[in-house]
Structures are given as C-alpha cells and as structure tokens.
Amino acid sequence: MRARRATRSETRRRAASDPLRKTRWQVRQSVAEAVKQAVEAGAAESQNAFVERALIRELRELRRRRVYDAYAQAAADPVFMADMRSTTAAFAATAADGLARGEE
C-alpha cells in the first residue's frame, strides 16, 4: 500500500534567485534505495526534495555547532568574560530601573 504524497505546502519552493542546480554526487546504493522507499512511503514529493531537505537540516546543524563552538571559545577567554561581567554590572542599575521596590 502506497502512502499519501506530500501536500502542495510541503513541496519545495524555489526562488528565482536560487534556481535548481544539477549535481553529480554519489551515495551508496543502500542509501539511494532507502531514499526511494521513503519517498514511495510519502516522506517527500520526490527523491530530490527528500535529499534537499536532509542536506538543509545538516547544514543548519553545522551552523548551530559553529555558533556554540564560538560561545565555548568566548566563555574560555578570561578577558572576554571580564568584559562581559563589567558590561552586565554596568547595565544592572538600568535593568532594575523602573521596578517597584521589592521586585528586584
């Protein structure tokens, strides 16, 4: 039994400024077959859409890791952390400004 196809809102949207480009990547046969089966089960409207969505998810994860690595580097930098503590202290009075007594 074949599962439903993706709805129109689930299909790939293509901006004129970001046209499709044919690539020549290779994947293992087992991966290609798993993608085909996933699409046949209704996971995406096409194999291309399925693979593109997976690549986008992976690229987002790489960007997220880079940001968190930068946070970790900053947290390990004593000069940066001293500057952050100083800035936080300088804004403490401003952040509390306007609070009624007892809300601090």
N, C-alpha and C. Protein backbone atom coordinates (compact mmCIF):
# COMPACT_ATOMS: atom_id res chain seq x y z
N MET A 1 0.83 -1.18 0.00
CA MET A 1 0.00 0.00 0.00
C MET A 1 0.88 1.25 0.00
N ARG A 2 0.59 2.15 -0.87
CA ARG A 2 1.39 3.35 -1.02
C ARG A 2 0.84 4.46 -0.15
N ALA A 3 1.72 5.14 0.59
CA ALA A 3 1.31 6.24 1.47
C ALA A 3 1.01 7.49 0.65
N ARG A 4 0.37 8.44 1.27
CA ARG A 4 -0.01 9.68 0.58
C ARG A 4 1.21 10.47 0.13
N ARG A 5 1.03 11.23 -0.89
CA ARG A 5 2.07 12.14 -1.37
C ARG A 5 2.06 13.40 -0.52
N ALA A 6 3.16 14.12 -0.54
CA ALA A 6 3.25 15.37 0.20
C ALA A 6 2.25 16.38 -0.36
N THR A 7 1.71 17.22 0.51
CA THR A 7 0.78 18.25 0.07
C THR A 7 1.54 19.36 -0.62
N ARG A 8 0.81 20.23 -1.28
CA ARG A 8 1.43 21.34 -2.00
C ARG A 8 2.26 22.21 -1.08
N SER A 9 1.79 22.43 0.16
CA SER A 9 2.54 23.26 1.10
C SER A 9 3.84 22.60 1.54
N GLU A 10 3.94 21.28 1.38
CA GLU A 10 5.14 20.56 1.77
C GLU A 10 6.16 20.46 0.64
N THR A 11 5.78 20.88 -0.54
CA THR A 11 6.68 20.75 -1.68
C THR A 11 7.77 21.81 -1.64
N ARG A 12 8.82 21.55 -2.39
CA ARG A 12 9.92 22.51 -2.44
C ARG A 12 9.48 23.80 -3.09
N ARG A 13 9.88 24.88 -2.47
CA ARG A 13 9.62 26.20 -3.05
C ARG A 13 10.93 26.70 -3.63
N ARG A 14 10.86 27.27 -4.80
CA ARG A 14 12.05 27.68 -5.50
C ARG A 14 11.98 29.17 -5.80
N ALA A 15 12.93 29.91 -5.28
CA ALA A 15 13.01 31.33 -5.58
C ALA A 15 13.79 31.51 -6.88
N ALA A 16 13.41 32.52 -7.63
CA ALA A 16 14.11 32.79 -8.89
C ALA A 16 15.59 33.10 -8.63
N SER A 17 15.88 33.66 -7.46
CA SER A 17 17.26 34.00 -7.13
C SER A 17 18.06 32.78 -6.68
N ASP A 18 17.39 31.65 -6.48
CA ASP A 18 18.06 30.42 -6.05
C ASP A 18 17.57 29.25 -6.90
N PRO A 19 17.97 29.23 -8.16
CA PRO A 19 17.47 28.18 -9.07
C PRO A 19 18.04 26.81 -8.72
N LEU A 20 17.39 25.78 -9.22
CA LEU A 20 17.89 24.42 -9.02
C LEU A 20 19.19 24.23 -9.81
N ARG A 21 20.05 23.40 -9.28
CA ARG A 21 21.31 23.09 -9.95
C ARG A 21 21.51 21.59 -9.91
N LYS A 22 21.79 21.03 -11.04
CA LYS A 22 22.05 19.59 -11.12
C LYS A 22 23.44 19.32 -10.56
N THR A 23 23.54 18.33 -9.68
CA THR A 23 24.82 17.97 -9.08
C THR A 23 25.19 16.55 -9.48
N ARG A 24 26.40 16.17 -9.18
CA ARG A 24 26.88 14.83 -9.54
C ARG A 24 27.43 14.11 -8.33
N TRP A 25 26.73 14.19 -7.21
CA TRP A 25 27.17 13.49 -6.02
C TRP A 25 26.80 12.03 -6.11
N GLN A 26 27.56 11.24 -5.41
CA GLN A 26 27.28 9.81 -5.37
C GLN A 26 26.98 9.41 -3.94
N VAL A 27 26.06 8.49 -3.79
CA VAL A 27 25.75 7.92 -2.48
C VAL A 27 25.76 6.40 -2.63
N ARG A 28 25.89 5.74 -1.53
CA ARG A 28 25.87 4.28 -1.56
C ARG A 28 24.50 3.80 -2.05
N GLN A 29 24.51 2.65 -2.70
CA GLN A 29 23.29 2.09 -3.26
C GLN A 29 22.22 1.90 -2.19
N SER A 30 22.63 1.47 -1.00
CA SER A 30 21.67 1.25 0.09
C SER A 30 21.00 2.56 0.51
N VAL A 31 21.75 3.65 0.47
CA VAL A 31 21.19 4.96 0.83
C VAL A 31 20.20 5.39 -0.24
N ALA A 32 20.57 5.24 -1.50
CA ALA A 32 19.68 5.61 -2.60
C ALA A 32 18.38 4.81 -2.53
N GLU A 33 18.48 3.54 -2.21
CA GLU A 33 17.28 2.70 -2.11
C GLU A 33 16.42 3.12 -0.92
N ALA A 34 17.05 3.47 0.20
CA ALA A 34 16.30 3.92 1.37
C ALA A 34 15.57 5.23 1.08
N VAL A 35 16.21 6.13 0.33
CA VAL A 35 15.56 7.39 -0.06
C VAL A 35 14.36 7.09 -0.95
N LYS A 36 14.55 6.22 -1.91
CA LYS A 36 13.46 5.85 -2.82
C LYS A 36 12.28 5.28 -2.04
N GLN A 37 12.55 4.40 -1.10
CA GLN A 37 11.48 3.80 -0.30
C GLN A 37 10.78 4.84 0.57
N ALA A 38 11.56 5.76 1.13
CA ALA A 38 10.96 6.81 1.96
C ALA A 38 10.01 7.69 1.13
N VAL A 39 10.41 8.02 -0.08
CA VAL A 39 9.57 8.82 -0.96
C VAL A 39 8.32 8.04 -1.36
N GLU A 40 8.48 6.78 -1.66
CA GLU A 40 7.33 5.93 -2.00
C GLU A 40 6.34 5.83 -0.83
N ALA A 41 6.87 5.95 0.39
CA ALA A 41 6.03 5.89 1.59
C ALA A 41 5.41 7.25 1.91
N GLY A 42 5.74 8.27 1.10
CA GLY A 42 5.12 9.58 1.28
C GLY A 42 5.92 10.57 2.08
N ALA A 43 7.20 10.30 2.33
CA ALA A 43 8.03 11.21 3.13
C ALA A 43 8.33 12.53 2.42
N ALA A 44 8.26 12.53 1.10
CA ALA A 44 8.52 13.75 0.32
C ALA A 44 7.90 13.56 -1.05
N GLU A 45 7.79 14.65 -1.77
CA GLU A 45 7.17 14.56 -3.10
C GLU A 45 8.11 13.93 -4.13
N SER A 46 9.41 14.00 -3.87
CA SER A 46 10.38 13.41 -4.79
C SER A 46 11.67 13.09 -4.03
N GLN A 47 12.51 12.29 -4.66
CA GLN A 47 13.80 11.99 -4.06
C GLN A 47 14.64 13.26 -3.93
N ASN A 48 14.57 14.12 -4.95
CA ASN A 48 15.31 15.37 -4.89
C ASN A 48 14.87 16.21 -3.69
N ALA A 49 13.57 16.32 -3.46
CA ALA A 49 13.05 17.11 -2.34
C ALA A 49 13.48 16.49 -1.02
N PHE A 50 13.46 15.18 -0.93
CA PHE A 50 13.86 14.48 0.30
C PHE A 50 15.33 14.76 0.62
N VAL A 51 16.18 14.59 -0.38
CA VAL A 51 17.62 14.79 -0.20
C VAL A 51 17.92 16.26 0.12
N GLU A 52 17.27 17.18 -0.59
CA GLU A 52 17.49 18.60 -0.33
C GLU A 52 17.13 18.95 1.11
N ARG A 53 16.00 18.43 1.59
CA ARG A 53 15.57 18.71 2.96
C ARG A 53 16.58 18.16 3.96
N ALA A 54 17.11 16.97 3.70
CA ALA A 54 18.11 16.38 4.60
C ALA A 54 19.39 17.20 4.60
N LEU A 55 19.80 17.67 3.44
CA LEU A 55 21.01 18.48 3.36
C LEU A 55 20.84 19.81 4.08
N ILE A 56 19.69 20.43 3.92
CA ILE A 56 19.42 21.69 4.61
C ILE A 56 19.46 21.49 6.11
N ARG A 57 18.87 20.40 6.59
CA ARG A 57 18.89 20.10 8.03
C ARG A 57 20.33 19.92 8.52
N GLU A 58 21.15 19.23 7.77
CA GLU A 58 22.54 19.00 8.14
C GLU A 58 23.33 20.32 8.13
N LEU A 59 23.10 21.17 7.14
CA LEU A 59 23.79 22.46 7.07
C LEU A 59 23.40 23.35 8.24
N ARG A 60 22.13 23.34 8.63
CA ARG A 60 21.69 24.10 9.81
C ARG A 60 22.41 23.62 11.06
N GLU A 61 22.54 22.31 11.19
CA GLU A 61 23.23 21.74 12.35
C GLU A 61 24.69 22.16 12.38
N LEU A 62 25.35 22.18 11.23
CA LEU A 62 26.74 22.63 11.17
C LEU A 62 26.86 24.08 11.61
N ARG A 63 25.95 24.94 11.13
CA ARG A 63 25.97 26.36 11.54
C ARG A 63 25.74 26.49 13.05
N ARG A 64 24.79 25.70 13.58
CA ARG A 64 24.50 25.74 15.01
C ARG A 64 25.73 25.34 15.81
N ARG A 65 26.41 24.28 15.36
CA ARG A 65 27.63 23.85 16.06
C ARG A 65 28.71 24.91 16.03
N ARG A 66 28.86 25.61 14.89
CA ARG A 66 29.87 26.68 14.81
C ARG A 66 29.56 27.78 15.80
N VAL A 67 28.28 28.15 15.93
CA VAL A 67 27.89 29.21 16.87
C VAL A 67 28.19 28.76 18.30
N TYR A 68 27.81 27.54 18.66
CA TYR A 68 28.06 27.06 20.01
C TYR A 68 29.55 26.89 20.29
N ASP A 69 30.33 26.52 19.29
CA ASP A 69 31.78 26.46 19.47
C ASP A 69 32.35 27.84 19.74
N ALA A 70 31.82 28.85 19.05
CA ALA A 70 32.26 30.23 19.28
C ALA A 70 31.89 30.67 20.69
N TYR A 71 30.68 30.30 21.16
CA TYR A 71 30.28 30.60 22.54
C TYR A 71 31.26 29.97 23.53
N ALA A 72 31.61 28.72 23.28
CA ALA A 72 32.51 27.99 24.18
C ALA A 72 33.89 28.66 24.20
N GLN A 73 34.37 29.08 23.05
CA GLN A 73 35.67 29.77 22.99
C GLN A 73 35.61 31.08 23.76
N ALA A 74 34.53 31.83 23.58
CA ALA A 74 34.38 33.10 24.30
C ALA A 74 34.33 32.86 25.80
N ALA A 75 33.61 31.84 26.23
CA ALA A 75 33.48 31.55 27.65
C ALA A 75 34.81 31.14 28.27
N ALA A 76 35.72 30.62 27.45
CA ALA A 76 37.04 30.21 27.94
C ALA A 76 38.05 31.36 27.91
N ASP A 77 37.66 32.50 27.38
CA ASP A 77 38.57 33.65 27.27
C ASP A 77 38.37 34.56 28.49
N PRO A 78 39.36 34.61 29.38
CA PRO A 78 39.20 35.38 30.61
C PRO A 78 39.00 36.89 30.36
N VAL A 79 39.65 37.42 29.34
CA VAL A 79 39.49 38.85 29.03
C VAL A 79 38.06 39.13 28.57
N PHE A 80 37.54 38.29 27.69
CA PHE A 80 36.17 38.45 27.22
C PHE A 80 35.18 38.33 28.38
N MET A 81 35.36 37.32 29.23
CA MET A 81 34.45 37.11 30.35
C MET A 81 34.50 38.28 31.33
N ALA A 82 35.68 38.85 31.58
CA ALA A 82 35.79 40.02 32.47
C ALA A 82 35.03 41.19 31.87
N ASP A 83 35.15 41.37 30.57
CA ASP A 83 34.43 42.45 29.89
C ASP A 83 32.92 42.23 29.98
N MET A 84 32.48 41.00 29.82
CA MET A 84 31.04 40.69 29.91
C MET A 84 30.52 40.95 31.33
N ARG A 85 31.30 40.57 32.36
CA ARG A 85 30.87 40.83 33.74
C ARG A 85 30.77 42.33 33.99
N SER A 86 31.73 43.07 33.46
CA SER A 86 31.73 44.53 33.62
C SER A 86 30.51 45.14 32.94
N THR A 87 30.22 44.70 31.73
CA THR A 87 29.07 45.22 30.98
C THR A 87 27.77 44.85 31.69
N THR A 88 27.67 43.64 32.18
CA THR A 88 26.47 43.20 32.89
C THR A 88 26.26 44.05 34.14
N ALA A 89 27.33 44.30 34.88
CA ALA A 89 27.23 45.12 36.09
C ALA A 89 26.81 46.55 35.75
N ALA A 90 27.34 47.07 34.65
CA ALA A 90 27.00 48.44 34.25
C ALA A 90 25.53 48.57 33.89
N PHE A 91 24.94 47.52 33.37
CA PHE A 91 23.53 47.56 32.99
C PHE A 91 22.59 47.11 34.11
N ALA A 92 23.13 46.60 35.21
CA ALA A 92 22.28 46.11 36.30
C ALA A 92 21.37 47.20 36.82
N ALA A 93 21.90 48.40 37.00
CA ALA A 93 21.08 49.51 37.50
C ALA A 93 20.01 49.88 36.48
N THR A 94 20.35 49.86 35.21
CA THR A 94 19.38 50.18 34.16
C THR A 94 18.30 49.13 34.09
N ALA A 95 18.66 47.87 34.23
CA ALA A 95 17.68 46.79 34.17
C ALA A 95 16.71 46.88 35.33
N ALA A 96 17.21 47.30 36.49
CA ALA A 96 16.35 47.41 37.67
C ALA A 96 15.56 48.71 37.69
N ASP A 97 15.98 49.67 36.89
CA ASP A 97 15.30 50.96 36.85
C ASP A 97 13.84 50.77 36.45
N GLY A 98 12.96 51.37 37.20
CA GLY A 98 11.55 51.28 36.87
C GLY A 98 10.83 50.18 37.59
N LEU A 99 11.58 49.30 38.24
CA LEU A 99 10.93 48.24 39.02
C LEU A 99 10.47 48.82 40.35
N ALA A 100 9.32 48.43 40.78
CA ALA A 100 8.83 48.88 42.08
C ALA A 100 9.68 48.23 43.17
N ARG A 101 9.75 48.85 44.28
CA ARG A 101 10.51 48.30 45.40
C ARG A 101 10.02 46.88 45.70
N GLY A 102 10.93 46.01 45.99
CA GLY A 102 10.58 44.64 46.31
C GLY A 102 10.55 43.72 45.11
N GLU A 103 10.63 44.26 43.87
CA GLU A 103 10.62 43.42 42.68
C GLU A 103 12.03 43.08 42.22
N GLU A 104 13.03 43.67 42.84
CA GLU A 104 14.39 43.47 42.38
C GLU A 104 14.90 42.11 42.67
